[in-house]
């Protein structure tokens, strides 16, 4: 099947709508935000909004996907920098996990937005978890002695630790401390 050519104007409009929606979701929360609110914030009519997105769940999912793409790009830069393992892991945890939780902590409705994970955009969160595991495996595979031996098991351990930390709904400070322990375990396992 041949994919239709994407119109750059449509991409620009979708990005503007997502930016406006992010502002409205941040201010009012997801549940109290209507499509009318988003259309007004984007400076477009409601019918024009529906030409780009079917509903606010679609907009939220698109915001998640965009955040994942931005995190992926930043993580790939980190991997290309060939930092020492500890710094690489610290930066990746910042890029992939902590920065997002810091941002949500600053929002008046951050808890509500974080709670949507089980309701909306689940496929994006699943993809994000898989991406994180792959990125950590790639980071570990850069270390002599880990590639093909411990890179995948350690990446899985990091991924499970991240899931556990997020499930316990810790503060960002507590998350940092827990993830620092994970890094210490990885470093000891790697003989560093």
Protein backbone atom coordinates (compact mmCIF):
# COMPACT_ATOMS: atom_id res chain seq x y z
CA UNK A 1 0.00 0.00 0.00
CA UNK A 2 1.38 3.40 -1.00
CA UNK A 3 1.28 5.98 1.75
CA UNK A 4 -0.14 9.34 0.73
CA UNK A 5 2.33 12.17 0.65
CA UNK A 6 2.28 14.18 3.88
CA UNK A 7 1.46 17.82 3.61
CA UNK A 8 3.92 19.99 5.58
CA UNK A 9 1.09 22.46 6.30
CA UNK A 10 -0.87 19.66 7.98
CA UNK A 11 2.17 18.75 10.09
CA UNK A 12 2.61 22.40 11.08
CA UNK A 13 -1.07 22.68 12.00
CA UNK A 14 -0.96 19.45 14.03
CA UNK A 15 2.13 20.67 15.89
CA UNK A 16 0.43 24.00 16.68
CA UNK A 17 -2.65 22.16 17.94
CA UNK A 18 -0.52 19.89 20.11
CA UNK A 19 1.33 22.89 21.55
CA UNK A 20 -1.99 24.58 22.35
CA UNK A 21 -3.40 21.37 23.83
CA UNK A 22 -0.33 20.93 26.01
CA UNK A 23 -0.92 24.40 27.45
CA UNK A 24 -4.61 23.74 28.09
CA UNK A 25 -4.02 20.27 29.57
CA UNK A 26 -1.32 21.79 31.79
CA UNK A 27 -3.64 24.53 33.04
CA UNK A 28 -6.94 22.69 33.40
CA UNK A 29 -6.07 19.02 33.42
CA UNK A 30 -7.10 16.49 30.83
CA UNK A 31 -10.62 15.77 32.06
CA UNK A 32 -11.69 19.42 32.33
CA UNK A 33 -10.32 20.29 28.90
CA UNK A 34 -12.74 20.24 25.98
CA UNK A 35 -12.10 20.21 22.26
CA UNK A 36 -13.53 23.77 22.25
CA UNK A 37 -10.83 24.82 24.75
CA UNK A 38 -8.13 23.34 22.53
CA UNK A 39 -9.55 24.91 19.35
CA UNK A 40 -9.68 28.35 21.03
CA UNK A 41 -6.14 28.00 22.34
CA UNK A 42 -4.95 26.97 18.87
CA UNK A 43 -6.80 29.87 17.24
CA UNK A 44 -8.84 27.62 14.97
CA UNK A 45 -12.46 26.55 14.68
CA UNK A 46 -13.68 23.33 16.25
CA UNK A 47 -14.41 21.79 12.80
CA UNK A 48 -10.83 22.64 11.76
CA UNK A 49 -9.56 20.91 14.91
CA UNK A 50 -11.52 17.78 14.01
CA UNK A 51 -9.85 17.74 10.59
CA UNK A 52 -6.55 17.09 12.37
CA UNK A 53 -7.61 15.04 15.43
CA UNK A 54 -10.66 12.90 16.12
CA UNK A 55 -10.79 13.68 19.84
CA UNK A 56 -8.68 14.84 22.77
CA UNK A 57 -7.45 11.29 23.40
CA UNK A 58 -5.88 11.38 19.93
CA UNK A 59 -4.23 14.70 20.75
CA UNK A 60 -2.90 13.37 24.06
CA UNK A 61 -1.55 10.26 22.34
CA UNK A 62 0.13 12.45 19.70
CA UNK A 63 1.73 14.51 22.49
CA UNK A 64 3.08 11.32 24.07
CA UNK A 65 4.46 10.12 20.75
CA UNK A 66 6.14 13.48 20.15
CA UNK A 67 7.71 13.41 23.63
CA UNK A 68 8.95 9.88 22.95
CA UNK A 69 10.48 10.93 19.62
CA UNK A 70 12.22 13.89 21.28
CA UNK A 71 13.55 11.63 24.05
CA UNK A 72 14.73 9.09 21.48
CA UNK A 73 16.67 11.77 19.59
CA UNK A 74 18.30 13.08 22.79
CA UNK A 75 19.14 9.53 23.89
CA UNK A 76 20.75 8.75 20.53
CA UNK A 77 22.90 11.88 20.92
CA UNK A 78 23.93 10.69 24.36
CA UNK A 79 24.84 7.25 22.99
CA UNK A 80 26.90 8.82 20.20
CA UNK A 81 28.89 10.92 22.69
CA UNK A 82 30.65 7.83 24.13
CA UNK A 83 30.61 9.18 27.67
CA UNK A 84 31.90 6.98 30.48
CA UNK A 85 29.28 4.38 31.47
CA UNK A 86 28.12 6.07 34.70
CA UNK A 87 27.64 9.46 33.00
CA UNK A 88 25.92 7.80 30.04
CA UNK A 89 23.46 5.99 32.32
CA UNK A 90 22.82 9.13 34.41
CA UNK A 91 22.12 11.18 31.28
CA UNK A 92 19.87 8.51 29.80
CA UNK A 93 17.84 8.25 33.01
CA UNK A 94 17.52 12.04 33.00
CA UNK A 95 16.45 12.15 29.35
CA UNK A 96 14.10 9.17 29.37
CA UNK A 97 12.55 9.30 32.85
CA UNK A 98 13.45 12.04 35.29
CA UNK A 99 13.00 15.10 33.04
CA UNK A 100 9.43 14.02 32.24
CA UNK A 101 8.59 13.53 35.90
CA UNK A 102 10.14 16.90 36.80
CA UNK A 103 7.98 18.56 34.16
CA UNK A 104 4.84 16.82 35.45
CA UNK A 105 5.68 17.82 39.04
CA UNK A 106 5.56 21.48 37.99
CA UNK A 107 2.10 21.20 36.44
CA UNK A 108 -0.99 21.89 38.58
CA UNK A 109 -2.63 18.77 37.11
CA UNK A 110 0.50 16.67 36.64
CA UNK A 111 -0.79 13.82 38.82
CA UNK A 112 -3.96 13.54 36.75
CA UNK A 113 -1.97 13.59 33.51
CA UNK A 114 0.44 10.95 34.82
CA UNK A 115 -2.53 8.82 35.87
CA UNK A 116 -3.82 8.72 32.30
CA UNK A 117 -1.12 6.21 31.41
CA UNK A 118 -3.43 3.27 32.00
CA UNK A 119 -6.32 4.86 30.09
CA UNK A 120 -4.93 6.67 27.05
CA UNK A 121 -1.96 6.12 24.80
CA UNK A 122 -1.11 2.74 26.27
CA UNK A 123 0.48 1.64 22.98
CA UNK A 124 2.83 4.63 23.16
CA UNK A 125 3.83 3.77 26.73
CA UNK A 126 4.49 0.15 25.74
CA UNK A 127 6.61 1.33 22.81
CA UNK A 128 8.39 3.80 25.13
CA UNK A 129 9.27 1.01 27.57
CA UNK A 130 10.63 -1.11 24.71
CA UNK A 131 12.61 1.88 23.43
CA UNK A 132 14.08 2.49 26.89
CA UNK A 133 15.16 -1.14 27.20
CA UNK A 134 16.84 -0.99 23.77
CA UNK A 135 18.58 2.29 24.54
CA UNK A 136 19.94 0.97 27.83
CA UNK A 137 21.09 -2.22 26.08
CA UNK A 138 22.86 -0.09 23.46
CA UNK A 139 24.48 2.02 26.20
CA UNK A 140 25.70 -1.07 28.01
CA UNK A 141 26.86 -2.77 24.80
CA UNK A 142 29.36 0.07 24.31
CA UNK A 143 31.30 -1.27 27.29
CA UNK A 144 33.99 -3.88 26.66
CA UNK A 145 33.01 -7.13 28.31
CA UNK A 146 29.28 -6.36 28.47
CA UNK A 147 28.22 -6.64 24.83
CA UNK A 148 26.52 -9.95 24.18
CA UNK A 149 26.99 -11.05 27.79
CA UNK A 150 25.40 -8.68 30.25
CA UNK A 151 24.04 -5.86 28.08
CA UNK A 152 20.54 -7.34 27.67
CA UNK A 153 20.11 -8.71 31.24
CA UNK A 154 21.32 -5.43 32.75
CA UNK A 155 19.07 -3.41 30.42
CA UNK A 156 16.14 -5.58 31.53
CA UNK A 157 17.09 -5.01 35.17
CA UNK A 158 17.22 -1.24 34.64
CA UNK A 159 13.87 -1.35 32.84
CA UNK A 160 12.24 -3.34 35.65
CA UNK A 161 13.70 -1.00 38.25
CA UNK A 162 12.30 2.01 36.39
CA UNK A 163 8.87 0.35 36.25
CA UNK A 164 9.02 -0.33 39.97
CA UNK A 165 10.07 3.20 40.80
CA UNK A 166 7.28 4.67 38.66
CA UNK A 167 4.67 2.27 40.07
CA UNK A 168 5.47 3.38 43.62
CA UNK A 169 4.71 7.00 42.64
CA UNK A 170 7.82 8.34 44.32
CA UNK A 171 8.78 11.99 44.29
CA UNK A 172 11.43 12.98 41.77
CA UNK A 173 14.01 13.22 44.57
CA UNK A 174 13.13 9.70 45.72
CA UNK A 175 13.25 8.48 42.12
CA UNK A 176 16.71 9.98 41.70
CA UNK A 177 17.96 8.18 44.82
CA UNK A 178 16.46 4.84 43.76
CA UNK A 179 17.85 5.13 40.23
CA UNK A 180 21.27 6.08 41.59
CA UNK A 181 21.21 2.76 43.44
CA UNK A 182 20.37 1.00 40.18
CA UNK A 183 23.35 2.69 38.52
CA UNK A 184 25.59 1.60 41.42
CA UNK A 185 24.45 -2.02 40.97
CA UNK A 186 25.06 -1.85 37.22
CA UNK A 187 28.51 -0.34 37.75
CA UNK A 188 29.42 -3.04 40.29
CA UNK A 189 28.17 -5.75 37.94
CA UNK A 190 30.21 -4.22 35.12
CA UNK A 191 33.29 -4.16 37.36
CA UNK A 192 33.54 -0.37 37.25
